[in-house]
Amino acid sequence: MCLPALNLTAFFGLRFIGLRTLYMLIHRLYLKVGDVVRHINYSSWGDGEVIEEKHSTLPGGLCLVRVLFEDGIDRTFINDFNNESCCYYAGLRLI
């Protein structure tokens, strides 16, 4: 049995859909590269900037962001609201 191909134009009502946009429709992303954030529990880290965004190509895979803080350490967080360990729930806030 052959399944019909997914027609993104009909499904989303769009002619062209970028990879990040499609990924955001599946996963609810919080941060993107260039965003400035602050951790509500660790003020000693200072402000941080999102320097990298990674997406898994596997179903159920993680969406990660790497944040470089003023203390000189880069830290990695999960960037998917659908995940209970999302960076928002861990305490990262956009400023």
PDB file of N, CA and C in Angstrom:
ATOM      1  N   MET A   1       0.845  -1.171   0.000  1.00  0.00           N
ATOM      2  CA  MET A   1       0.000   0.000   0.000  1.00  0.00           C
ATOM      3  C   MET A   1       0.893   1.238   0.000  1.00  0.00           C
ATOM      4  N   CYS A   2       0.585   2.181  -0.840  1.00  0.00           N
ATOM      5  CA  CYS A   2       1.399   3.381  -0.979  1.00  0.00           C
ATOM      6  C   CYS A   2       0.644   4.568  -0.371  1.00  0.00           C
ATOM      7  N   LEU A   3       1.291   5.272   0.530  1.00  0.00           N
ATOM      8  CA  LEU A   3       0.665   6.428   1.155  1.00  0.00           C
ATOM      9  C   LEU A   3       0.906   7.670   0.307  1.00  0.00           C
ATOM     10  N   PRO A   4      -0.073   8.586   0.255  1.00  0.00           N
ATOM     11  CA  PRO A   4       0.122   9.806  -0.529  1.00  0.00           C
ATOM     12  C   PRO A   4       1.174  10.696   0.128  1.00  0.00           C
ATOM     13  N   ALA A   5       1.883  11.448  -0.690  1.00  0.00           N
ATOM     14  CA  ALA A   5       2.906  12.374  -0.186  1.00  0.00           C
ATOM     15  C   ALA A   5       2.222  13.517   0.554  1.00  0.00           C
ATOM     16  N   LEU A   6       2.895  14.038   1.565  1.00  0.00           N
ATOM     17  CA  LEU A   6       2.369  15.159   2.341  1.00  0.00           C
ATOM     18  C   LEU A   6       2.505  16.438   1.526  1.00  0.00           C
ATOM     19  N   ASN A   7       1.399  17.065   1.257  1.00  0.00           N
ATOM     20  CA  ASN A   7       1.402  18.308   0.498  1.00  0.00           C
ATOM     21  C   ASN A   7       1.431  19.460   1.493  1.00  0.00           C
ATOM     22  N   LEU A   8       2.617  20.060   1.688  1.00  0.00           N
ATOM     23  CA  LEU A   8       2.763  21.144   2.664  1.00  0.00           C
ATOM     24  C   LEU A   8       1.980  22.377   2.271  1.00  0.00           C
ATOM     25  N   THR A   9       1.818  22.613   0.972  1.00  0.00           N
ATOM     26  CA  THR A   9       1.059  23.776   0.526  1.00  0.00           C
ATOM     27  C   THR A   9      -0.384  23.673   0.990  1.00  0.00           C
ATOM     28  N   ALA A  10      -0.978  22.509   0.817  1.00  0.00           N
ATOM     29  CA  ALA A  10      -2.359  22.331   1.234  1.00  0.00           C
ATOM     30  C   ALA A  10      -2.478  22.257   2.753  1.00  0.00           C
ATOM     31  N   PHE A  11      -1.512  21.606   3.386  1.00  0.00           N
ATOM     32  CA  PHE A  11      -1.583  21.411   4.845  1.00  0.00           C
ATOM     33  C   PHE A  11      -1.402  22.715   5.603  1.00  0.00           C
ATOM     34  N   PHE A  12      -0.399  23.531   5.216  1.00  0.00           N
ATOM     35  CA  PHE A  12      -0.109  24.755   5.941  1.00  0.00           C
ATOM     36  C   PHE A  12      -0.601  26.009   5.223  1.00  0.00           C
ATOM     37  N   GLY A  13      -1.071  25.865   3.993  1.00  0.00           N
ATOM     38  CA  GLY A  13      -1.519  27.022   3.243  1.00  0.00           C
ATOM     39  C   GLY A  13      -0.368  27.917   2.817  1.00  0.00           C
ATOM     40  N   LEU A  14       0.823  27.355   2.650  1.00  0.00           N
ATOM     41  CA  LEU A  14       2.002  28.123   2.279  1.00  0.00           C
ATOM     42  C   LEU A  14       2.603  27.555   0.996  1.00  0.00           C
ATOM     43  N   ARG A  15       3.155  28.431   0.173  1.00  0.00           N
ATOM     44  CA  ARG A  15       3.831  27.971  -1.035  1.00  0.00           C
ATOM     45  C   ARG A  15       5.225  27.452  -0.702  1.00  0.00           C
ATOM     46  N   PHE A  16       5.946  28.188   0.120  1.00  0.00           N
ATOM     47  CA  PHE A  16       7.303  27.784   0.502  1.00  0.00           C
ATOM     48  C   PHE A  16       7.394  27.833   2.008  1.00  0.00           C
ATOM     49  N   ILE A  17       7.972  26.801   2.576  1.00  0.00           N
ATOM     50  CA  ILE A  17       8.123  26.777   4.030  1.00  0.00           C
ATOM     51  C   ILE A  17       9.576  26.422   4.329  1.00  0.00           C
ATOM     52  N   GLY A  18      10.238  27.258   5.110  1.00  0.00           N
ATOM     53  CA  GLY A  18      11.625  27.019   5.469  1.00  0.00           C
ATOM     54  C   GLY A  18      11.748  25.885   6.471  1.00  0.00           C
ATOM     55  N   LEU A  19      12.945  25.331   6.571  1.00  0.00           N
ATOM     56  CA  LEU A  19      13.178  24.218   7.484  1.00  0.00           C
ATOM     57  C   LEU A  19      12.926  24.620   8.927  1.00  0.00           C
ATOM     58  N   ARG A  20      13.397  25.817   9.336  1.00  0.00           N
ATOM     59  CA  ARG A  20      13.172  26.273  10.711  1.00  0.00           C
ATOM     60  C   ARG A  20      11.692  26.482  10.982  1.00  0.00           C
ATOM     61  N   THR A  21      10.964  27.035  10.003  1.00  0.00           N
ATOM     62  CA  THR A  21       9.527  27.255  10.174  1.00  0.00           C
ATOM     63  C   THR A  21       8.796  25.932  10.329  1.00  0.00           C
ATOM     64  N   LEU A  22       9.139  24.964   9.493  1.00  0.00           N
ATOM     65  CA  LEU A  22       8.526  23.644   9.603  1.00  0.00           C
ATOM     66  C   LEU A  22       8.836  23.026  10.956  1.00  0.00           C
ATOM     67  N   TYR A  23      10.087  23.147  11.393  1.00  0.00           N
ATOM     68  CA  TYR A  23      10.486  22.590  12.685  1.00  0.00           C
ATOM     69  C   TYR A  23       9.720  23.267  13.819  1.00  0.00           C
ATOM     70  N   MET A  24       9.506  24.591  13.697  1.00  0.00           N
ATOM     71  CA  MET A  24       8.771  25.322  14.733  1.00  0.00           C
ATOM     72  C   MET A  24       7.308  24.918  14.777  1.00  0.00           C
ATOM     73  N   LEU A  25       6.744  24.482  13.645  1.00  0.00           N
ATOM     74  CA  LEU A  25       5.368  24.013  13.641  1.00  0.00           C
ATOM     75  C   LEU A  25       5.232  22.684  14.369  1.00  0.00           C
ATOM     76  N   ILE A  26       6.292  21.875  14.331  1.00  0.00           N
ATOM     77  CA  ILE A  26       6.276  20.581  15.008  1.00  0.00           C
ATOM     78  C   ILE A  26       6.675  20.735  16.471  1.00  0.00           C
ATOM     79  N   HIS A  27       7.761  21.476  16.711  1.00  0.00           N
ATOM     80  CA  HIS A  27       8.257  21.729  18.058  1.00  0.00           C
ATOM     81  C   HIS A  27       7.983  23.183  18.398  1.00  0.00           C
ATOM     82  N   ARG A  28       7.642  23.466  19.614  1.00  0.00           N
ATOM     83  CA  ARG A  28       7.402  24.842  20.033  1.00  0.00           C
ATOM     84  C   ARG A  28       8.711  25.408  20.566  1.00  0.00           C
ATOM     85  N   LEU A  29       9.446  26.118  19.729  1.00  0.00           N
ATOM     86  CA  LEU A  29      10.753  26.644  20.099  1.00  0.00           C
ATOM     87  C   LEU A  29      10.610  27.964  20.846  1.00  0.00           C
ATOM     88  N   TYR A  30      11.551  28.222  21.762  1.00  0.00           N
ATOM     89  CA  TYR A  30      11.541  29.417  22.588  1.00  0.00           C
ATOM     90  C   TYR A  30      12.586  30.419  22.134  1.00  0.00           C
ATOM     91  N   LEU A  31      13.819  29.981  21.938  1.00  0.00           N
ATOM     92  CA  LEU A  31      14.924  30.888  21.637  1.00  0.00           C
ATOM     93  C   LEU A  31      15.451  30.678  20.225  1.00  0.00           C
ATOM     94  N   LYS A  32      16.075  31.742  19.694  1.00  0.00           N
ATOM     95  CA  LYS A  32      16.757  31.648  18.412  1.00  0.00           C
ATOM     96  C   LYS A  32      18.106  32.342  18.527  1.00  0.00           C
ATOM     97  N   VAL A  33      18.985  32.118  17.568  1.00  0.00           N
ATOM     98  CA  VAL A  33      20.330  32.703  17.595  1.00  0.00           C
ATOM     99  C   VAL A  33      20.233  34.226  17.665  1.00  0.00           C
ATOM    100  N   GLY A  34      21.011  34.806  18.567  1.00  0.00           N
ATOM    101  CA  GLY A  34      21.032  36.255  18.740  1.00  0.00           C
ATOM    102  C   GLY A  34      20.195  36.753  19.897  1.00  0.00           C
ATOM    103  N   ASP A  35      19.306  35.931  20.432  1.00  0.00           N
ATOM    104  CA  ASP A  35      18.485  36.345  21.578  1.00  0.00           C
ATOM    105  C   ASP A  35      19.366  36.548  22.806  1.00  0.00           C
ATOM    106  N   VAL A  36      19.020  37.550  23.604  1.00  0.00           N
ATOM    107  CA  VAL A  36      19.735  37.812  24.858  1.00  0.00           C
ATOM    108  C   VAL A  36      18.846  37.342  26.002  1.00  0.00           C
ATOM    109  N   VAL A  37      19.435  36.575  26.922  1.00  0.00           N
ATOM    110  CA  VAL A  37      18.671  35.946  28.002  1.00  0.00           C
ATOM    111  C   VAL A  37      19.345  36.182  29.347  1.00  0.00           C
ATOM    112  N   ARG A  38      18.593  35.892  30.400  1.00  0.00           N
ATOM    113  CA  ARG A  38      19.110  35.944  31.763  1.00  0.00           C
ATOM    114  C   ARG A  38      18.479  34.782  32.533  1.00  0.00           C
ATOM    115  N   HIS A  39      19.257  34.162  33.403  1.00  0.00           N
ATOM    116  CA  HIS A  39      18.732  33.074  34.227  1.00  0.00           C
ATOM    117  C   HIS A  39      18.207  33.668  35.528  1.00  0.00           C
ATOM    118  N   ILE A  40      16.976  33.293  35.883  1.00  0.00           N
ATOM    119  CA  ILE A  40      16.347  33.907  37.059  1.00  0.00           C
ATOM    120  C   ILE A  40      16.952  33.434  38.378  1.00  0.00           C
ATOM    121  N   ASN A  41      17.615  32.274  38.390  1.00  0.00           N
ATOM    122  CA  ASN A  41      18.176  31.747  39.638  1.00  0.00           C
ATOM    123  C   ASN A  41      19.678  31.955  39.772  1.00  0.00           C
ATOM    124  N   TYR A  42      20.359  32.265  38.669  1.00  0.00           N
ATOM    125  CA  TYR A  42      21.819  32.395  38.687  1.00  0.00           C
ATOM    126  C   TYR A  42      22.230  33.753  38.117  1.00  0.00           C
ATOM    127  N   SER A  43      22.006  34.792  38.871  1.00  0.00           N
ATOM    128  CA  SER A  43      22.348  36.141  38.413  1.00  0.00           C
ATOM    129  C   SER A  43      23.864  36.303  38.259  1.00  0.00           C
ATOM    130  N   SER A  44      24.642  35.464  38.941  1.00  0.00           N
ATOM    131  CA  SER A  44      26.102  35.549  38.827  1.00  0.00           C
ATOM    132  C   SER A  44      26.591  35.189  37.413  1.00  0.00           C
ATOM    133  N   TRP A  45      25.773  34.499  36.622  1.00  0.00           N
ATOM    134  CA  TRP A  45      26.139  34.178  35.253  1.00  0.00           C
ATOM    135  C   TRP A  45      26.132  35.424  34.375  1.00  0.00           C
ATOM    136  N   GLY A  46      25.328  36.410  34.738  1.00  0.00           N
ATOM    137  CA  GLY A  46      25.167  37.602  33.908  1.00  0.00           C
ATOM    138  C   GLY A  46      24.226  37.326  32.752  1.00  0.00           C
ATOM    139  N   ASP A  47      24.192  38.257  31.803  1.00  0.00           N
ATOM    140  CA  ASP A  47      23.364  38.072  30.615  1.00  0.00           C
ATOM    141  C   ASP A  47      24.051  37.111  29.658  1.00  0.00           C
ATOM    142  N   GLY A  48      23.269  36.452  28.858  1.00  0.00           N
ATOM    143  CA  GLY A  48      23.817  35.516  27.892  1.00  0.00           C
ATOM    144  C   GLY A  48      23.222  35.734  26.520  1.00  0.00           C
ATOM    145  N   GLU A  49      23.958  35.327  25.507  1.00  0.00           N
ATOM    146  CA  GLU A  49      23.478  35.425  24.134  1.00  0.00           C
ATOM    147  C   GLU A  49      23.463  34.044  23.501  1.00  0.00           C
ATOM    148  N   VAL A  50      22.371  33.729  22.822  1.00  0.00           N
ATOM    149  CA  VAL A  50      22.260  32.447  22.131  1.00  0.00           C
ATOM    150  C   VAL A  50      23.214  32.474  20.942  1.00  0.00           C
ATOM    151  N   ILE A  51      24.175  31.550  20.935  1.00  0.00           N
ATOM    152  CA  ILE A  51      25.187  31.539  19.883  1.00  0.00           C
ATOM    153  C   ILE A  51      25.032  30.363  18.918  1.00  0.00           C
ATOM    154  N   GLU A  52      24.226  29.375  19.292  1.00  0.00           N
ATOM    155  CA  GLU A  52      24.055  28.224  18.409  1.00  0.00           C
ATOM    156  C   GLU A  52      22.714  27.567  18.690  1.00  0.00           C
ATOM    157  N   GLU A  53      22.129  27.044  17.619  1.00  0.00           N
ATOM    158  CA  GLU A  53      20.849  26.355  17.704  1.00  0.00           C
ATOM    159  C   GLU A  53      21.007  25.029  16.969  1.00  0.00           C
ATOM    160  N   LYS A  54      20.638  23.923  17.601  1.00  0.00           N
ATOM    161  CA  LYS A  54      20.775  22.602  16.975  1.00  0.00           C
ATOM    162  C   LYS A  54      19.425  21.899  16.993  1.00  0.00           C
ATOM    163  N   HIS A  55      19.123  21.232  15.879  1.00  0.00           N
ATOM    164  CA  HIS A  55      17.874  20.485  15.757  1.00  0.00           C
ATOM    165  C   HIS A  55      18.187  19.058  15.356  1.00  0.00           C
ATOM    166  N   SER A  56      17.561  18.122  16.004  1.00  0.00           N
ATOM    167  CA  SER A  56      17.716  16.722  15.642  1.00  0.00           C
ATOM    168  C   SER A  56      16.852  16.414  14.423  1.00  0.00           C
ATOM    169  N   THR A  57      17.349  15.578  13.559  1.00  0.00           N
ATOM    170  CA  THR A  57      16.561  15.152  12.395  1.00  0.00           C
ATOM    171  C   THR A  57      15.770  13.885  12.689  1.00  0.00           C
ATOM    172  N   LEU A  58      15.983  13.302  13.852  1.00  0.00           N
ATOM    173  CA  LEU A  58      15.270  12.082  14.223  1.00  0.00           C
ATOM    174  C   LEU A  58      13.943  12.420  14.886  1.00  0.00           C
ATOM    175  N   PRO A  59      12.904  11.633  14.648  1.00  0.00           N
ATOM    176  CA  PRO A  59      11.627  11.866  15.323  1.00  0.00           C
ATOM    177  C   PRO A  59      11.807  11.775  16.839  1.00  0.00           C
ATOM    178  N   GLY A  60      11.283  12.754  17.557  1.00  0.00           N
ATOM    179  CA  GLY A  60      11.405  12.771  19.010  1.00  0.00           C
ATOM    180  C   GLY A  60      12.735  13.290  19.501  1.00  0.00           C
ATOM    181  N   GLY A  61      13.571  13.772  18.592  1.00  0.00           N
ATOM    182  CA  GLY A  61      14.896  14.281  18.960  1.00  0.00           C
ATOM    183  C   GLY A  61      14.821  15.622  19.667  1.00  0.00           C
ATOM    184  N   LEU A  62      15.942  16.052  20.209  1.00  0.00           N
ATOM    185  CA  LEU A  62      15.991  17.285  20.993  1.00  0.00           C
ATOM    186  C   LEU A  62      16.279  18.506  20.125  1.00  0.00           C
ATOM    187  N   CYS A  63      15.825  19.650  20.620  1.00  0.00           N
ATOM    188  CA  CYS A  63      16.180  20.956  20.070  1.00  0.00           C
ATOM    189  C   CYS A  63      17.040  21.610  21.148  1.00  0.00           C
ATOM    190  N   LEU A  64      18.261  21.979  20.803  1.00  0.00           N
ATOM    191  CA  LEU A  64      19.178  22.536  21.794  1.00  0.00           C
ATOM    192  C   LEU A  64      19.615  23.938  21.399  1.00  0.00           C
ATOM    193  N   VAL A  65      19.897  24.768  22.399  1.00  0.00           N
ATOM    194  CA  VAL A  65      20.530  26.058  22.173  1.00  0.00           C
ATOM    195  C   VAL A  65      21.747  26.149  23.076  1.00  0.00           C
ATOM    196  N   ARG A  66      22.792  26.797  22.555  1.00  0.00           N
ATOM    197  CA  ARG A  66      23.995  27.042  23.347  1.00  0.00           C
ATOM    198  C   ARG A  66      24.042  28.533  23.638  1.00  0.00           C
ATOM    199  N   VAL A  67      24.199  28.864  24.919  1.00  0.00           N
ATOM    200  CA  VAL A  67      24.176  30.254  25.369  1.00  0.00           C
ATOM    201  C   VAL A  67      25.526  30.593  25.989  1.00  0.00           C
ATOM    202  N   LEU A  68      26.135  31.699  25.519  1.00  0.00           N
ATOM    203  CA  LEU A  68      27.381  32.191  26.086  1.00  0.00           C
ATOM    204  C   LEU A  68      27.048  33.300  27.074  1.00  0.00           C
ATOM    205  N   PHE A  69      27.377  33.063  28.344  1.00  0.00           N
ATOM    206  CA  PHE A  69      27.075  34.027  29.395  1.00  0.00           C
ATOM    207  C   PHE A  69      28.264  34.944  29.659  1.00  0.00           C
ATOM    208  N   GLU A  70      28.017  36.041  30.374  1.00  0.00           N
ATOM    209  CA  GLU A  70      29.059  37.027  30.669  1.00  0.00           C
ATOM    210  C   GLU A  70      30.183  36.465  31.529  1.00  0.00           C
ATOM    211  N   ASP A  71      29.914  35.368  32.254  1.00  0.00           N
ATOM    212  CA  ASP A  71      30.973  34.769  33.064  1.00  0.00           C
ATOM    213  C   ASP A  71      31.961  33.960  32.217  1.00  0.00           C
ATOM    214  N   GLY A  72      31.738  33.923  30.892  1.00  0.00           N
ATOM    215  CA  GLY A  72      32.660  33.265  29.978  1.00  0.00           C
ATOM    216  C   GLY A  72      32.383  31.803  29.726  1.00  0.00           C
ATOM    217  N   ILE A  73      31.354  31.255  30.312  1.00  0.00           N
ATOM    218  CA  ILE A  73      31.027  29.834  30.144  1.00  0.00           C
ATOM    219  C   ILE A  73      29.810  29.715  29.244  1.00  0.00           C
ATOM    220  N   ASP A  74      29.895  28.819  28.261  1.00  0.00           N
ATOM    221  CA  ASP A  74      28.702  28.567  27.445  1.00  0.00           C
ATOM    222  C   ASP A  74      27.991  27.336  27.989  1.00  0.00           C
ATOM    223  N   ARG A  75      26.684  27.447  28.052  1.00  0.00           N
ATOM    224  CA  ARG A  75      25.853  26.384  28.611  1.00  0.00           C
ATOM    225  C   ARG A  75      24.809  25.986  27.580  1.00  0.00           C
ATOM    226  N   THR A  76      24.436  24.717  27.587  1.00  0.00           N
ATOM    227  CA  THR A  76      23.488  24.177  26.621  1.00  0.00           C
ATOM    228  C   THR A  76      22.169  23.873  27.307  1.00  0.00           C
ATOM    229  N   PHE A  77      21.073  24.243  26.633  1.00  0.00           N
ATOM    230  CA  PHE A  77      19.734  24.053  27.177  1.00  0.00           C
ATOM    231  C   PHE A  77      18.833  23.445  26.114  1.00  0.00           C
ATOM    232  N   ILE A  78      17.795  22.750  26.567  1.00  0.00           N
ATOM    233  CA  ILE A  78      16.761  22.228  25.670  1.00  0.00           C
ATOM    234  C   ILE A  78      15.839  23.391  25.303  1.00  0.00           C
ATOM    235  N   ASN A  79      15.481  23.491  24.021  1.00  0.00           N
ATOM    236  CA  ASN A  79      14.754  24.651  23.512  1.00  0.00           C
ATOM    237  C   ASN A  79      13.388  24.265  22.955  1.00  0.00           C
ATOM    238  N   ASP A  80      12.651  23.426  23.631  1.00  0.00           N
ATOM    239  CA  ASP A  80      11.361  22.953  23.131  1.00  0.00           C
ATOM    240  C   ASP A  80      10.337  23.020  24.259  1.00  0.00           C
ATOM    241  N   PHE A  81       9.321  23.893  24.091  1.00  0.00           N
ATOM    242  CA  PHE A  81       8.285  24.029  25.123  1.00  0.00           C
ATOM    243  C   PHE A  81       7.567  22.713  25.400  1.00  0.00           C
ATOM    244  N   ASN A  82       7.553  21.811  24.438  1.00  0.00           N
ATOM    245  CA  ASN A  82       6.880  20.523  24.642  1.00  0.00           C
ATOM    246  C   ASN A  82       7.673  19.580  25.544  1.00  0.00           C
ATOM    247  N   ASN A  83       8.901  19.948  25.866  1.00  0.00           N
ATOM    248  CA  ASN A  83       9.747  19.140  26.733  1.00  0.00           C
ATOM    249  C   ASN A  83       9.703  19.725  28.141  1.00  0.00           C
ATOM    250  N   GLU A  84       9.529  18.886  29.151  1.00  0.00           N
ATOM    251  CA  GLU A  84       9.436  19.381  30.528  1.00  0.00           C
ATOM    252  C   GLU A  84      10.744  19.987  31.038  1.00  0.00           C
ATOM    253  N   SER A  85      11.836  19.740  30.323  1.00  0.00           N
ATOM    254  CA  SER A  85      13.129  20.317  30.705  1.00  0.00           C
ATOM    255  C   SER A  85      13.498  21.521  29.839  1.00  0.00           C
ATOM    256  N   CYS A  86      12.519  22.154  29.233  1.00  0.00           N
ATOM    257  CA  CYS A  86      12.759  23.321  28.379  1.00  0.00           C
ATOM    258  C   CYS A  86      13.495  24.407  29.160  1.00  0.00           C
ATOM    259  N   CYS A  87      14.335  25.166  28.449  1.00  0.00           N
ATOM    260  CA  CYS A  87      15.126  26.217  29.103  1.00  0.00           C
ATOM    261  C   CYS A  87      14.231  27.250  29.792  1.00  0.00           C
ATOM    262  N   TYR A  88      13.032  27.479  29.293  1.00  0.00           N
ATOM    263  CA  TYR A  88      12.116  28.421  29.948  1.00  0.00           C
ATOM    264  C   TYR A  88      11.733  27.909  31.330  1.00  0.00           C
ATOM    265  N   TYR A  89      11.382  26.636  31.405  1.00  0.00           N
ATOM    266  CA  TYR A  89      11.004  26.040  32.690  1.00  0.00           C
ATOM    267  C   TYR A  89      12.201  25.934  33.625  1.00  0.00           C
ATOM    268  N   ALA A  90      13.409  25.868  33.050  1.00  0.00           N
ATOM    269  CA  ALA A  90      14.643  25.795  33.867  1.00  0.00           C
ATOM    270  C   ALA A  90      15.049  27.164  34.404  1.00  0.00           C
ATOM    271  N   GLY A  91      14.449  28.247  33.873  1.00  0.00           N
ATOM    272  CA  GLY A  91      14.725  29.563  34.417  1.00  0.00           C
ATOM    273  C   GLY A  91      15.292  30.590  33.457  1.00  0.00           C
ATOM    274  N   LEU A  92      15.478  30.268  32.195  1.00  0.00           N
ATOM    275  CA  LEU A  92      15.968  31.263  31.224  1.00  0.00           C
ATOM    276  C   LEU A  92      14.838  32.164  30.789  1.00  0.00           C
ATOM    277  N   ARG A  93      15.093  33.475  30.774  1.00  0.00           N
ATOM    278  CA  ARG A  93      14.098  34.444  30.316  1.00  0.00           C
ATOM    279  C   ARG A  93      14.722  35.392  29.313  1.00  0.00           C
ATOM    280  N   LEU A  94      13.963  35.735  28.288  1.00  0.00           N
ATOM    281  CA  LEU A  94      14.380  36.744  27.329  1.00  0.00           C
ATOM    282  C   LEU A  94      14.414  38.111  27.996  1.00  0.00           C
ATOM    283  N   ILE A  95      15.415  38.914  27.644  1.00  0.00           N
ATOM    284  CA  ILE A  95      15.451  40.286  28.194  1.00  0.00           C
ATOM    285  C   ILE A  95      15.470  41.288  27.052  1.00  0.00           C
TER     286      ILE A  95
END
